[in-house]
Amino acid sequence: MRQVLYAIPLLFLCIFPVQASISLSDFTGDTSMTEVDKSDELFRLTDANGDLDDATVFLLDIVGTGSQNFGIYDPVTGERLEVFSHLDTPITSATLSWDIFSDLVTNVGTGETAVIDWESFGFYDDQWLSEAGANPGSIDHLYSFEVGALAHPSLLGSNLALIWFDSEQAASRGTGHYDFIAVSDIEPIGNVPEPGLPLLLSGGLVGLGYTRRLSA
């Protein structure tokens, strides 16, 4: 009986395997870029002191086919603001200026505006959203890497690197065509834990509890 109870946490480990970490160096070839994918989905503006509240976004590289339309969106209202179009090429930069009191954000280069919550927004690349659950098949098309603003000069002072895959097949394999985006003055706000983790932990605790009772 005790052997069966010990098998409970092992069963959860088989159902919810731990995936290998994806490193930023896997895409850049720079071995100093050891940051790993955080699977971030929603983000916030960090430069929000009421004076020149803005963020800079760089299109650093396009691997494979041409870039898609890239921008930000409000996860509640669905409103979008385009940052780069499919016509933009590396290295292109854009500045997003926020009125944090009204949530009105402006793409300074194009003059386009949208009302997007500066404390909680997502990124999109064509039809794919940074919230994986909102994509067809719940496929995660975004790898996100938090980096130090001065850690890698090639990222032009950015503190966030985004790798966007342009197809479901490429995203599931972590290879293929993608856009390389770098962002300054924006940070992740965290995600809801995967359902497998609480089950894994609770399963282990239950197994230990029953084992201890039998040993008493």
N, C-alpha and C. Protein backbone atom coordinates (compact mmCIF):
# COMPACT_ATOMS: atom_id res chain seq x y z
N MET A 1 0.84 -1.21 0.00
CA MET A 1 0.00 0.00 0.00
C MET A 1 0.87 1.25 0.00
N ARG A 2 1.96 1.18 0.76
CA ARG A 2 2.82 2.35 0.85
C ARG A 2 3.46 2.67 -0.49
N GLN A 3 3.78 1.67 -1.30
CA GLN A 3 4.37 1.90 -2.61
C GLN A 3 3.41 2.65 -3.53
N VAL A 4 2.12 2.35 -3.46
CA VAL A 4 1.13 3.04 -4.28
C VAL A 4 1.07 4.51 -3.92
N LEU A 5 1.12 4.82 -2.63
CA LEU A 5 1.04 6.21 -2.18
C LEU A 5 2.28 6.99 -2.59
N TYR A 6 3.43 6.37 -2.57
CA TYR A 6 4.63 7.03 -3.04
C TYR A 6 4.56 7.34 -4.54
N ALA A 7 3.78 6.58 -5.26
CA ALA A 7 3.70 6.76 -6.71
C ALA A 7 2.85 7.95 -7.10
N ILE A 8 2.05 8.51 -6.18
CA ILE A 8 1.14 9.62 -6.51
C ILE A 8 1.91 10.83 -7.03
N PRO A 9 2.91 11.37 -6.31
CA PRO A 9 3.62 12.53 -6.86
C PRO A 9 4.37 12.21 -8.14
N LEU A 10 4.86 10.96 -8.29
CA LEU A 10 5.54 10.59 -9.51
C LEU A 10 4.59 10.61 -10.70
N LEU A 11 3.34 10.25 -10.47
CA LEU A 11 2.34 10.27 -11.53
C LEU A 11 2.12 11.68 -12.03
N PHE A 12 2.06 12.66 -11.10
CA PHE A 12 1.87 14.05 -11.52
C PHE A 12 3.08 14.56 -12.28
N LEU A 13 4.27 14.10 -11.92
CA LEU A 13 5.45 14.52 -12.66
C LEU A 13 5.41 14.02 -14.09
N CYS A 14 4.83 12.85 -14.30
CA CYS A 14 4.72 12.32 -15.66
C CYS A 14 3.68 13.07 -16.48
N ILE A 15 2.60 13.49 -15.82
CA ILE A 15 1.55 14.20 -16.54
C ILE A 15 1.96 15.62 -16.89
N PHE A 16 2.73 16.29 -15.99
CA PHE A 16 3.12 17.67 -16.19
C PHE A 16 4.65 17.75 -16.24
N PRO A 17 5.27 17.38 -17.34
CA PRO A 17 6.73 17.39 -17.43
C PRO A 17 7.27 18.81 -17.39
N VAL A 18 8.49 18.96 -16.88
CA VAL A 18 9.14 20.26 -16.82
C VAL A 18 9.87 20.49 -18.14
N GLN A 19 9.57 21.61 -18.82
CA GLN A 19 10.18 21.89 -20.10
C GLN A 19 11.57 22.50 -19.91
N ALA A 20 12.47 22.22 -20.85
CA ALA A 20 13.80 22.80 -20.80
C ALA A 20 13.72 24.30 -21.04
N SER A 21 14.59 25.07 -20.37
CA SER A 21 14.57 26.53 -20.50
C SER A 21 15.14 26.94 -21.85
N ILE A 22 14.53 27.96 -22.45
CA ILE A 22 15.01 28.54 -23.69
C ILE A 22 15.83 29.77 -23.35
N SER A 23 17.04 29.83 -23.83
CA SER A 23 17.94 30.94 -23.53
C SER A 23 17.95 31.95 -24.67
N LEU A 24 18.17 33.23 -24.34
CA LEU A 24 18.27 34.27 -25.36
C LEU A 24 19.43 33.99 -26.31
N SER A 25 20.48 33.38 -25.80
CA SER A 25 21.64 33.07 -26.65
C SER A 25 21.31 32.05 -27.73
N ASP A 26 20.21 31.28 -27.54
CA ASP A 26 19.79 30.33 -28.58
C ASP A 26 19.43 31.05 -29.88
N PHE A 27 19.04 32.32 -29.77
CA PHE A 27 18.62 33.08 -30.95
C PHE A 27 19.71 34.05 -31.43
N THR A 28 20.53 34.56 -30.51
CA THR A 28 21.52 35.56 -30.88
C THR A 28 22.88 34.97 -31.17
N GLY A 29 23.16 33.79 -30.61
CA GLY A 29 24.49 33.22 -30.75
C GLY A 29 25.50 33.84 -29.80
N ASP A 30 25.09 34.81 -29.01
CA ASP A 30 25.95 35.48 -28.03
C ASP A 30 25.84 34.72 -26.71
N THR A 31 26.91 34.01 -26.33
CA THR A 31 26.85 33.17 -25.13
C THR A 31 26.76 33.96 -23.84
N SER A 32 26.97 35.27 -23.90
CA SER A 32 26.83 36.09 -22.69
C SER A 32 25.36 36.37 -22.37
N MET A 33 24.47 36.12 -23.33
CA MET A 33 23.05 36.35 -23.13
C MET A 33 22.41 35.09 -22.54
N THR A 34 22.57 34.93 -21.24
CA THR A 34 22.14 33.70 -20.56
C THR A 34 20.71 33.78 -20.04
N GLU A 35 20.03 34.89 -20.25
CA GLU A 35 18.65 35.03 -19.77
C GLU A 35 17.76 33.95 -20.38
N VAL A 36 16.81 33.46 -19.58
CA VAL A 36 15.92 32.39 -20.06
C VAL A 36 14.50 32.93 -20.23
N ASP A 37 13.74 32.23 -21.07
CA ASP A 37 12.35 32.61 -21.36
C ASP A 37 11.51 32.58 -20.09
N LYS A 38 10.76 33.67 -19.84
CA LYS A 38 9.90 33.76 -18.66
C LYS A 38 8.43 33.52 -18.98
N SER A 39 8.10 33.34 -20.26
CA SER A 39 6.71 33.11 -20.67
C SER A 39 5.78 34.20 -20.17
N ASP A 40 6.26 35.44 -20.18
CA ASP A 40 5.44 36.57 -19.73
C ASP A 40 4.32 36.82 -20.74
N GLU A 41 3.18 37.29 -20.24
CA GLU A 41 2.03 37.53 -21.11
C GLU A 41 1.54 38.98 -21.07
N LEU A 42 1.57 39.61 -19.91
CA LEU A 42 1.11 40.99 -19.77
C LEU A 42 2.23 41.85 -19.18
N PHE A 43 2.16 43.16 -19.49
CA PHE A 43 3.28 44.03 -19.19
C PHE A 43 2.77 45.38 -18.67
N ARG A 44 3.69 46.18 -18.15
CA ARG A 44 3.36 47.51 -17.64
C ARG A 44 4.49 48.48 -17.97
N LEU A 45 4.13 49.76 -18.05
CA LEU A 45 5.10 50.82 -18.26
C LEU A 45 5.81 51.11 -16.94
N THR A 46 7.14 51.19 -16.95
CA THR A 46 7.88 51.51 -15.73
C THR A 46 8.19 53.00 -15.62
N ASP A 47 8.32 53.67 -16.76
CA ASP A 47 8.56 55.12 -16.75
C ASP A 47 7.20 55.81 -16.64
N ALA A 48 6.70 55.90 -15.39
CA ALA A 48 5.34 56.40 -15.17
C ALA A 48 5.32 57.37 -13.98
N ASN A 49 6.13 58.43 -14.09
CA ASN A 49 6.19 59.41 -13.00
C ASN A 49 5.42 60.68 -13.32
N GLY A 50 4.65 60.67 -14.42
CA GLY A 50 3.87 61.84 -14.78
C GLY A 50 4.61 62.85 -15.64
N ASP A 51 5.87 62.54 -16.01
CA ASP A 51 6.67 63.47 -16.81
C ASP A 51 7.36 62.69 -17.92
N LEU A 52 6.99 62.94 -19.17
CA LEU A 52 7.55 62.25 -20.32
C LEU A 52 7.50 60.74 -20.15
N ASP A 53 6.29 60.24 -19.92
CA ASP A 53 6.11 58.80 -19.69
C ASP A 53 6.09 58.09 -21.03
N ASP A 54 7.21 57.45 -21.37
CA ASP A 54 7.27 56.80 -22.67
C ASP A 54 8.13 55.54 -22.62
N ALA A 55 8.07 54.80 -23.71
CA ALA A 55 8.86 53.58 -23.88
C ALA A 55 9.38 53.55 -25.31
N THR A 56 10.56 52.95 -25.48
CA THR A 56 11.15 52.83 -26.81
C THR A 56 11.17 51.37 -27.22
N VAL A 57 10.79 51.11 -28.48
CA VAL A 57 10.71 49.75 -29.00
C VAL A 57 11.60 49.67 -30.24
N PHE A 58 12.42 48.62 -30.31
CA PHE A 58 13.32 48.43 -31.45
C PHE A 58 12.98 47.13 -32.18
N LEU A 59 12.89 47.20 -33.50
CA LEU A 59 12.82 46.01 -34.33
C LEU A 59 14.26 45.68 -34.72
N LEU A 60 14.85 44.69 -34.04
CA LEU A 60 16.28 44.42 -34.20
C LEU A 60 16.60 43.46 -35.34
N ASP A 61 15.73 42.47 -35.55
CA ASP A 61 16.06 41.47 -36.55
C ASP A 61 14.80 40.77 -37.03
N ILE A 62 14.83 40.29 -38.25
CA ILE A 62 13.78 39.47 -38.83
C ILE A 62 14.44 38.22 -39.39
N VAL A 63 14.04 37.06 -38.91
CA VAL A 63 14.61 35.80 -39.37
C VAL A 63 13.56 35.07 -40.20
N GLY A 64 13.88 34.82 -41.45
CA GLY A 64 12.93 34.15 -42.33
C GLY A 64 12.11 35.14 -43.13
N THR A 65 10.80 34.95 -43.15
CA THR A 65 9.92 35.81 -43.94
C THR A 65 9.79 37.19 -43.33
N GLY A 66 9.18 38.10 -44.05
CA GLY A 66 9.04 39.48 -43.62
C GLY A 66 8.29 39.63 -42.31
N SER A 67 8.53 40.75 -41.65
CA SER A 67 7.90 41.04 -40.36
C SER A 67 6.39 41.17 -40.51
N GLN A 68 5.69 40.84 -39.44
CA GLN A 68 4.24 41.04 -39.37
C GLN A 68 3.97 42.41 -38.74
N ASN A 69 2.70 42.80 -38.69
CA ASN A 69 2.34 44.01 -37.96
C ASN A 69 2.46 43.74 -36.46
N PHE A 70 3.18 44.61 -35.78
CA PHE A 70 3.48 44.41 -34.36
C PHE A 70 2.97 45.60 -33.57
N GLY A 71 2.42 45.34 -32.36
CA GLY A 71 1.95 46.45 -31.54
C GLY A 71 1.56 46.00 -30.14
N ILE A 72 0.80 46.85 -29.47
CA ILE A 72 0.33 46.58 -28.12
C ILE A 72 -1.20 46.58 -28.11
N TYR A 73 -1.78 45.94 -27.09
CA TYR A 73 -3.24 45.90 -27.02
C TYR A 73 -3.68 45.89 -25.56
N ASP A 74 -4.93 46.30 -25.34
CA ASP A 74 -5.52 46.27 -24.02
C ASP A 74 -6.25 44.93 -23.86
N PRO A 75 -5.90 44.11 -22.86
CA PRO A 75 -6.52 42.78 -22.75
C PRO A 75 -7.99 42.82 -22.34
N VAL A 76 -8.46 43.96 -21.84
CA VAL A 76 -9.86 44.07 -21.43
C VAL A 76 -10.73 44.56 -22.57
N THR A 77 -10.32 45.63 -23.23
CA THR A 77 -11.13 46.22 -24.30
C THR A 77 -10.77 45.69 -25.68
N GLY A 78 -9.57 45.14 -25.83
CA GLY A 78 -9.12 44.67 -27.13
C GLY A 78 -8.58 45.76 -28.03
N GLU A 79 -8.56 47.01 -27.56
CA GLU A 79 -8.07 48.11 -28.40
C GLU A 79 -6.58 47.92 -28.68
N ARG A 80 -6.17 48.26 -29.92
CA ARG A 80 -4.79 48.03 -30.35
C ARG A 80 -4.13 49.32 -30.81
N LEU A 81 -2.81 49.33 -30.73
CA LEU A 81 -2.01 50.40 -31.31
C LEU A 81 -0.83 49.76 -32.04
N GLU A 82 -0.74 50.01 -33.35
CA GLU A 82 0.36 49.45 -34.13
C GLU A 82 1.65 50.20 -33.84
N VAL A 83 2.73 49.41 -33.62
CA VAL A 83 4.05 49.98 -33.38
C VAL A 83 4.91 49.88 -34.64
N PHE A 84 4.95 48.68 -35.25
CA PHE A 84 5.65 48.47 -36.51
C PHE A 84 4.70 47.84 -37.52
N SER A 85 4.86 48.19 -38.79
CA SER A 85 4.08 47.56 -39.84
C SER A 85 4.95 46.51 -40.53
N HIS A 86 4.34 45.72 -41.41
CA HIS A 86 5.08 44.68 -42.12
C HIS A 86 6.10 45.28 -43.10
N LEU A 87 6.03 46.58 -43.30
CA LEU A 87 6.98 47.24 -44.20
C LEU A 87 8.25 47.67 -43.50
N ASP A 88 8.25 47.69 -42.18
CA ASP A 88 9.42 48.14 -41.42
C ASP A 88 10.53 47.09 -41.46
N THR A 89 11.76 47.58 -41.44
CA THR A 89 12.93 46.70 -41.51
C THR A 89 13.88 47.02 -40.35
N PRO A 90 14.75 46.07 -39.99
CA PRO A 90 15.75 46.35 -38.94
C PRO A 90 16.76 47.39 -39.43
N ILE A 91 17.34 48.23 -38.59
CA ILE A 91 16.90 48.44 -37.22
C ILE A 91 15.98 49.66 -37.23
N THR A 92 14.71 49.45 -36.87
CA THR A 92 13.73 50.52 -36.79
C THR A 92 13.34 50.71 -35.33
N SER A 93 13.13 51.96 -34.93
CA SER A 93 12.71 52.22 -33.56
C SER A 93 11.40 53.00 -33.55
N ALA A 94 10.68 52.88 -32.45
CA ALA A 94 9.43 53.61 -32.27
C ALA A 94 9.33 54.04 -30.81
N THR A 95 8.72 55.18 -30.58
CA THR A 95 8.51 55.68 -29.22
C THR A 95 7.02 55.72 -28.92
N LEU A 96 6.65 55.13 -27.79
CA LEU A 96 5.27 55.15 -27.32
C LEU A 96 5.18 56.11 -26.15
N SER A 97 4.34 57.14 -26.27
CA SER A 97 4.18 58.15 -25.23
C SER A 97 2.82 57.99 -24.57
N TRP A 98 2.81 57.83 -23.24
CA TRP A 98 1.57 57.58 -22.50
C TRP A 98 1.15 58.79 -21.70
N ASP A 99 -0.14 59.08 -21.70
CA ASP A 99 -0.75 59.94 -20.69
C ASP A 99 -1.29 58.99 -19.64
N ILE A 100 -0.58 58.84 -18.52
CA ILE A 100 -0.94 57.81 -17.54
C ILE A 100 -2.23 58.15 -16.79
N PHE A 101 -2.73 59.37 -16.94
CA PHE A 101 -3.96 59.75 -16.27
C PHE A 101 -5.20 59.36 -17.08
N SER A 102 -5.05 59.31 -18.41
CA SER A 102 -6.17 58.95 -19.27
C SER A 102 -5.94 57.63 -20.00
N ASP A 103 -4.73 57.06 -19.87
CA ASP A 103 -4.34 55.83 -20.57
C ASP A 103 -4.23 56.02 -22.08
N LEU A 104 -4.20 57.27 -22.54
CA LEU A 104 -4.04 57.52 -23.98
C LEU A 104 -2.57 57.35 -24.34
N VAL A 105 -2.29 56.44 -25.29
CA VAL A 105 -0.92 56.20 -25.72
C VAL A 105 -0.79 56.57 -27.19
N THR A 106 0.34 57.19 -27.53
CA THR A 106 0.58 57.68 -28.88
C THR A 106 1.84 57.06 -29.45
N ASN A 107 1.75 56.56 -30.67
CA ASN A 107 2.95 56.19 -31.41
C ASN A 107 3.49 57.49 -32.00
N VAL A 108 4.58 57.99 -31.43
CA VAL A 108 5.08 59.32 -31.78
C VAL A 108 5.42 59.40 -33.26
N GLY A 109 5.92 58.33 -33.84
CA GLY A 109 6.33 58.36 -35.24
C GLY A 109 5.18 58.45 -36.21
N THR A 110 4.08 57.76 -35.91
CA THR A 110 2.94 57.74 -36.83
C THR A 110 1.82 58.69 -36.42
N GLY A 111 1.81 59.09 -35.15
CA GLY A 111 0.74 59.95 -34.66
C GLY A 111 -0.52 59.19 -34.27
N GLU A 112 -0.54 57.88 -34.47
CA GLU A 112 -1.72 57.07 -34.12
C GLU A 112 -1.83 56.95 -32.61
N THR A 113 -3.09 56.89 -32.13
CA THR A 113 -3.34 56.82 -30.69
C THR A 113 -4.32 55.69 -30.36
N ALA A 114 -4.33 55.31 -29.09
CA ALA A 114 -5.28 54.33 -28.59
C ALA A 114 -5.36 54.50 -27.08
N VAL A 115 -6.45 54.03 -26.50
CA VAL A 115 -6.60 54.04 -25.05
C VAL A 115 -6.27 52.64 -24.55
N ILE A 116 -5.10 52.51 -23.90
CA ILE A 116 -4.61 51.22 -23.44
C ILE A 116 -4.06 51.39 -22.03
N ASP A 117 -4.50 50.56 -21.12
CA ASP A 117 -4.10 50.62 -19.72
C ASP A 117 -2.59 50.46 -19.61
N TRP A 118 -1.90 51.49 -19.10
CA TRP A 118 -0.43 51.43 -19.02
C TRP A 118 0.05 50.45 -17.95
N GLU A 119 -0.83 50.04 -17.07
CA GLU A 119 -0.45 49.11 -16.00
C GLU A 119 -0.71 47.65 -16.35
N SER A 120 -1.37 47.41 -17.49
CA SER A 120 -1.65 46.02 -17.88
C SER A 120 -1.99 45.97 -19.37
N PHE A 121 -1.01 45.62 -20.18
CA PHE A 121 -1.25 45.51 -21.62
C PHE A 121 -0.44 44.34 -22.18
N GLY A 122 -0.82 43.93 -23.37
CA GLY A 122 -0.12 42.84 -24.04
C GLY A 122 0.49 43.30 -25.34
N PHE A 123 1.31 42.43 -25.93
CA PHE A 123 1.88 42.67 -27.25
C PHE A 123 1.19 41.75 -28.25
N TYR A 124 1.11 42.19 -29.50
CA TYR A 124 0.61 41.31 -30.56
C TYR A 124 1.57 41.35 -31.74
N ASP A 125 1.59 40.27 -32.48
CA ASP A 125 2.36 40.18 -33.71
C ASP A 125 1.42 39.60 -34.75
N ASP A 126 0.88 40.48 -35.59
CA ASP A 126 -0.15 40.11 -36.56
C ASP A 126 -1.37 39.58 -35.80
N GLN A 127 -1.76 38.32 -35.99
CA GLN A 127 -2.96 37.82 -35.30
C GLN A 127 -2.64 37.16 -33.96
N TRP A 128 -1.36 37.01 -33.61
CA TRP A 128 -0.98 36.31 -32.39
C TRP A 128 -0.86 37.27 -31.23
N LEU A 129 -1.33 36.85 -30.05
CA LEU A 129 -1.29 37.67 -28.85
C LEU A 129 -0.29 37.12 -27.84
N SER A 130 0.21 38.01 -26.97
CA SER A 130 1.13 37.55 -25.93
C SER A 130 0.42 36.68 -24.90
N GLU A 131 -0.90 36.79 -24.79
CA GLU A 131 -1.67 35.90 -23.93
C GLU A 131 -1.94 34.60 -24.70
N ALA A 132 -1.19 33.57 -24.37
CA ALA A 132 -1.26 32.33 -25.13
C ALA A 132 -2.67 31.75 -25.17
N GLY A 133 -3.41 31.86 -24.06
CA GLY A 133 -4.74 31.30 -24.00
C GLY A 133 -5.72 31.93 -24.95
N ALA A 134 -5.40 33.12 -25.47
CA ALA A 134 -6.29 33.81 -26.42
C ALA A 134 -5.97 33.44 -27.87
N ASN A 135 -4.92 32.65 -28.09
CA ASN A 135 -4.55 32.23 -29.45
C ASN A 135 -5.21 30.91 -29.82
N PRO A 136 -5.44 30.67 -31.10
CA PRO A 136 -5.97 29.37 -31.52
C PRO A 136 -5.08 28.23 -31.01
N GLY A 137 -5.69 27.26 -30.37
CA GLY A 137 -4.94 26.15 -29.82
C GLY A 137 -4.14 26.50 -28.59
N SER A 138 -4.33 27.73 -28.06
CA SER A 138 -3.58 28.22 -26.88
C SER A 138 -2.08 28.10 -27.09
N ILE A 139 -1.63 28.35 -28.33
CA ILE A 139 -0.21 28.26 -28.65
C ILE A 139 0.51 29.53 -28.22
N ASP A 140 1.63 29.37 -27.51
CA ASP A 140 2.44 30.50 -27.07
C ASP A 140 3.42 30.85 -28.18
N HIS A 141 3.22 32.02 -28.80
CA HIS A 141 4.09 32.45 -29.89
C HIS A 141 5.20 33.38 -29.42
N LEU A 142 5.24 33.70 -28.14
CA LEU A 142 6.17 34.71 -27.63
C LEU A 142 7.13 34.12 -26.62
N TYR A 143 8.43 34.36 -26.83
CA TYR A 143 9.43 34.12 -25.81
C TYR A 143 9.86 35.49 -25.29
N SER A 144 9.87 35.66 -23.97
CA SER A 144 10.25 36.95 -23.39
C SER A 144 11.42 36.77 -22.44
N PHE A 145 12.34 37.73 -22.50
CA PHE A 145 13.56 37.65 -21.72
C PHE A 145 13.79 38.99 -21.00
N GLU A 146 13.89 38.96 -19.69
CA GLU A 146 14.18 40.15 -18.91
C GLU A 146 15.69 40.31 -18.82
N VAL A 147 16.21 41.45 -19.26
CA VAL A 147 17.65 41.68 -19.28
C VAL A 147 17.96 43.00 -18.58
N GLY A 148 19.20 43.14 -18.12
CA GLY A 148 19.62 44.41 -17.54
C GLY A 148 19.79 45.44 -18.63
N ALA A 149 19.40 46.68 -18.36
CA ALA A 149 19.41 47.72 -19.39
C ALA A 149 20.81 47.93 -19.97
N LEU A 150 21.85 47.67 -19.17
CA LEU A 150 23.23 47.87 -19.64
C LEU A 150 23.96 46.55 -19.86
N ALA A 151 23.23 45.44 -19.78
CA ALA A 151 23.87 44.13 -19.84
C ALA A 151 24.40 43.80 -21.24
N HIS A 152 23.65 44.15 -22.26
CA HIS A 152 24.02 43.76 -23.62
C HIS A 152 23.93 44.97 -24.54
N PRO A 153 25.05 45.59 -24.91
CA PRO A 153 25.03 46.78 -25.78
C PRO A 153 24.28 46.57 -27.08
N SER A 154 24.27 45.35 -27.61
CA SER A 154 23.60 45.11 -28.89
C SER A 154 22.09 45.27 -28.78
N LEU A 155 21.55 45.28 -27.55
CA LEU A 155 20.11 45.48 -27.35
C LEU A 155 19.77 46.96 -27.15
N LEU A 156 20.77 47.84 -27.30
CA LEU A 156 20.54 49.29 -27.33
C LEU A 156 19.89 49.81 -26.05
N GLY A 157 20.31 49.30 -24.91
CA GLY A 157 19.80 49.79 -23.62
C GLY A 157 18.45 49.26 -23.24
N SER A 158 17.95 48.27 -23.94
CA SER A 158 16.63 47.70 -23.64
C SER A 158 16.70 46.79 -22.41
N ASN A 159 15.59 46.69 -21.71
CA ASN A 159 15.54 45.81 -20.53
C ASN A 159 14.63 44.60 -20.77
N LEU A 160 14.07 44.50 -21.98
CA LEU A 160 13.17 43.39 -22.30
C LEU A 160 13.39 42.99 -23.75
N ALA A 161 13.59 41.69 -23.98
CA ALA A 161 13.75 41.17 -25.34
C ALA A 161 12.60 40.22 -25.64
N LEU A 162 12.00 40.34 -26.82
CA LEU A 162 10.86 39.54 -27.23
C LEU A 162 11.19 38.82 -28.53
N ILE A 163 10.96 37.51 -28.56
CA ILE A 163 11.11 36.71 -29.78
C ILE A 163 9.72 36.25 -30.18
N TRP A 164 9.27 36.67 -31.38
CA TRP A 164 7.93 36.36 -31.87
C TRP A 164 8.00 35.38 -33.02
N PHE A 165 7.33 34.23 -32.89
CA PHE A 165 7.26 33.27 -33.98
C PHE A 165 5.99 33.52 -34.80
N ASP A 166 6.14 33.43 -36.13
CA ASP A 166 5.03 33.83 -37.00
C ASP A 166 4.16 32.67 -37.45
N SER A 167 4.37 31.46 -36.92
CA SER A 167 3.49 30.35 -37.27
C SER A 167 3.35 29.42 -36.08
N GLU A 168 2.27 28.67 -36.06
CA GLU A 168 2.03 27.73 -34.96
C GLU A 168 3.11 26.66 -34.91
N GLN A 169 3.56 26.19 -36.09
CA GLN A 169 4.57 25.15 -36.13
C GLN A 169 5.90 25.65 -35.58
N ALA A 170 6.28 26.89 -35.97
CA ALA A 170 7.54 27.45 -35.50
C ALA A 170 7.52 27.67 -34.00
N ALA A 171 6.39 28.15 -33.48
CA ALA A 171 6.28 28.41 -32.05
C ALA A 171 6.39 27.13 -31.24
N SER A 172 5.78 26.06 -31.71
CA SER A 172 5.80 24.81 -30.96
C SER A 172 7.19 24.18 -30.96
N ARG A 173 8.00 24.46 -32.02
CA ARG A 173 9.34 23.88 -32.10
C ARG A 173 10.42 24.82 -31.57
N GLY A 174 10.11 26.12 -31.48
CA GLY A 174 11.12 27.08 -31.06
C GLY A 174 12.14 27.36 -32.15
N THR A 175 11.80 27.07 -33.39
CA THR A 175 12.70 27.33 -34.52
C THR A 175 11.88 27.88 -35.68
N GLY A 176 12.57 28.44 -36.67
CA GLY A 176 11.87 28.92 -37.85
C GLY A 176 11.87 30.43 -37.95
N HIS A 177 10.84 31.00 -38.55
CA HIS A 177 10.76 32.44 -38.78
C HIS A 177 10.31 33.17 -37.52
N TYR A 178 11.02 34.25 -37.21
CA TYR A 178 10.62 35.03 -36.03
C TYR A 178 11.09 36.48 -36.16
N ASP A 179 10.47 37.35 -35.36
CA ASP A 179 10.87 38.74 -35.23
C ASP A 179 11.54 38.94 -33.88
N PHE A 180 12.60 39.73 -33.86
CA PHE A 180 13.35 40.01 -32.64
C PHE A 180 13.09 41.47 -32.25
N ILE A 181 12.39 41.65 -31.13
CA ILE A 181 11.99 42.98 -30.65
C ILE A 181 12.68 43.25 -29.31
N ALA A 182 13.17 44.46 -29.12
CA ALA A 182 13.74 44.87 -27.83
C ALA A 182 12.99 46.10 -27.34
N VAL A 183 12.76 46.18 -26.02
CA VAL A 183 11.91 47.23 -25.45
C VAL A 183 12.58 47.81 -24.21
N SER A 184 12.46 49.12 -24.04
CA SER A 184 12.94 49.77 -22.82
C SER A 184 11.78 50.37 -22.05
N ASP A 185 11.93 50.45 -20.73
CA ASP A 185 10.95 51.07 -19.82
C ASP A 185 9.61 50.33 -19.79
N ILE A 186 9.64 49.05 -20.04
CA ILE A 186 8.46 48.18 -19.91
C ILE A 186 8.90 46.91 -19.21
N GLU A 187 8.07 46.41 -18.29
CA GLU A 187 8.41 45.19 -17.57
C GLU A 187 7.20 44.27 -17.49
N PRO A 188 7.42 42.96 -17.30
CA PRO A 188 6.30 42.02 -17.13
C PRO A 188 5.60 42.25 -15.79
N ILE A 189 4.32 41.91 -15.74
CA ILE A 189 3.59 42.02 -14.47
C ILE A 189 3.24 40.65 -13.91
N GLY A 190 3.76 39.57 -14.54
CA GLY A 190 3.54 38.23 -14.00
C GLY A 190 2.37 37.53 -14.65
N ASN A 191 2.31 36.23 -14.41
CA ASN A 191 1.28 35.38 -15.02
C ASN A 191 0.54 34.58 -13.96
N VAL A 192 -0.61 34.03 -14.34
CA VAL A 192 -1.33 33.09 -13.50
C VAL A 192 -0.57 31.77 -13.54
N PRO A 193 -0.31 31.11 -12.40
CA PRO A 193 0.45 29.86 -12.40
C PRO A 193 -0.23 28.80 -13.25
N GLU A 194 0.60 27.95 -13.89
CA GLU A 194 0.07 26.84 -14.66
C GLU A 194 -0.72 25.90 -13.75
N PRO A 195 -1.85 25.35 -14.22
CA PRO A 195 -2.67 24.49 -13.37
C PRO A 195 -1.95 23.24 -12.92
N GLY A 196 -0.93 22.81 -13.67
CA GLY A 196 -0.23 21.59 -13.29
C GLY A 196 0.59 21.73 -12.02
N LEU A 197 1.12 22.94 -11.76
CA LEU A 197 2.00 23.11 -10.61
C LEU A 197 1.29 22.95 -9.27
N PRO A 198 0.13 23.63 -9.05
CA PRO A 198 -0.57 23.40 -7.78
C PRO A 198 -0.98 21.95 -7.60
N LEU A 199 -1.40 21.30 -8.70
CA LEU A 199 -1.77 19.90 -8.59
C LEU A 199 -0.58 19.04 -8.23
N LEU A 200 0.57 19.37 -8.82
CA LEU A 200 1.77 18.61 -8.51
C LEU A 200 2.13 18.74 -7.05
N LEU A 201 2.10 19.97 -6.53
CA LEU A 201 2.45 20.21 -5.14
C LEU A 201 1.46 19.56 -4.20
N SER A 202 0.16 19.73 -4.48
CA SER A 202 -0.85 19.15 -3.60
C SER A 202 -0.79 17.63 -3.64
N GLY A 203 -0.51 17.07 -4.83
CA GLY A 203 -0.40 15.62 -4.93
C GLY A 203 0.74 15.09 -4.09
N GLY A 204 1.88 15.83 -4.11
CA GLY A 204 3.01 15.41 -3.31
C GLY A 204 2.72 15.48 -1.83
N LEU A 205 2.03 16.56 -1.41
CA LEU A 205 1.70 16.72 0.00
C LEU A 205 0.74 15.65 0.47
N VAL A 206 -0.26 15.33 -0.37
CA VAL A 206 -1.21 14.28 0.01
C VAL A 206 -0.49 12.95 0.16
N GLY A 207 0.42 12.65 -0.80
CA GLY A 207 1.14 11.40 -0.71
C GLY A 207 1.99 11.31 0.54
N LEU A 208 2.64 12.43 0.89
CA LEU A 208 3.47 12.43 2.09
C LEU A 208 2.61 12.29 3.33
N GLY A 209 1.41 12.92 3.33
CA GLY A 209 0.53 12.86 4.49
C GLY A 209 0.06 11.45 4.77
N TYR A 210 -0.34 10.76 3.72
CA TYR A 210 -0.80 9.38 3.91
C TYR A 210 0.36 8.49 4.34
N THR A 211 1.53 8.71 3.78
CA THR A 211 2.67 7.87 4.15
C THR A 211 3.03 8.05 5.61
N ARG A 212 3.02 9.34 6.08
CA ARG A 212 3.34 9.60 7.47
C ARG A 212 2.32 8.93 8.40
N ARG A 213 1.04 8.97 8.00
CA ARG A 213 0.00 8.36 8.85
C ARG A 213 0.22 6.86 8.96
N LEU A 214 0.61 6.22 7.86
CA LEU A 214 0.84 4.79 7.90
C LEU A 214 2.07 4.44 8.72
N SER A 215 3.04 5.38 8.74
CA SER A 215 4.26 5.10 9.47
C SER A 215 4.11 5.30 10.96
N ALA A 216 3.05 6.06 11.36
CA ALA A 216 2.88 6.38 12.77
C ALA A 216 2.55 5.15 13.59
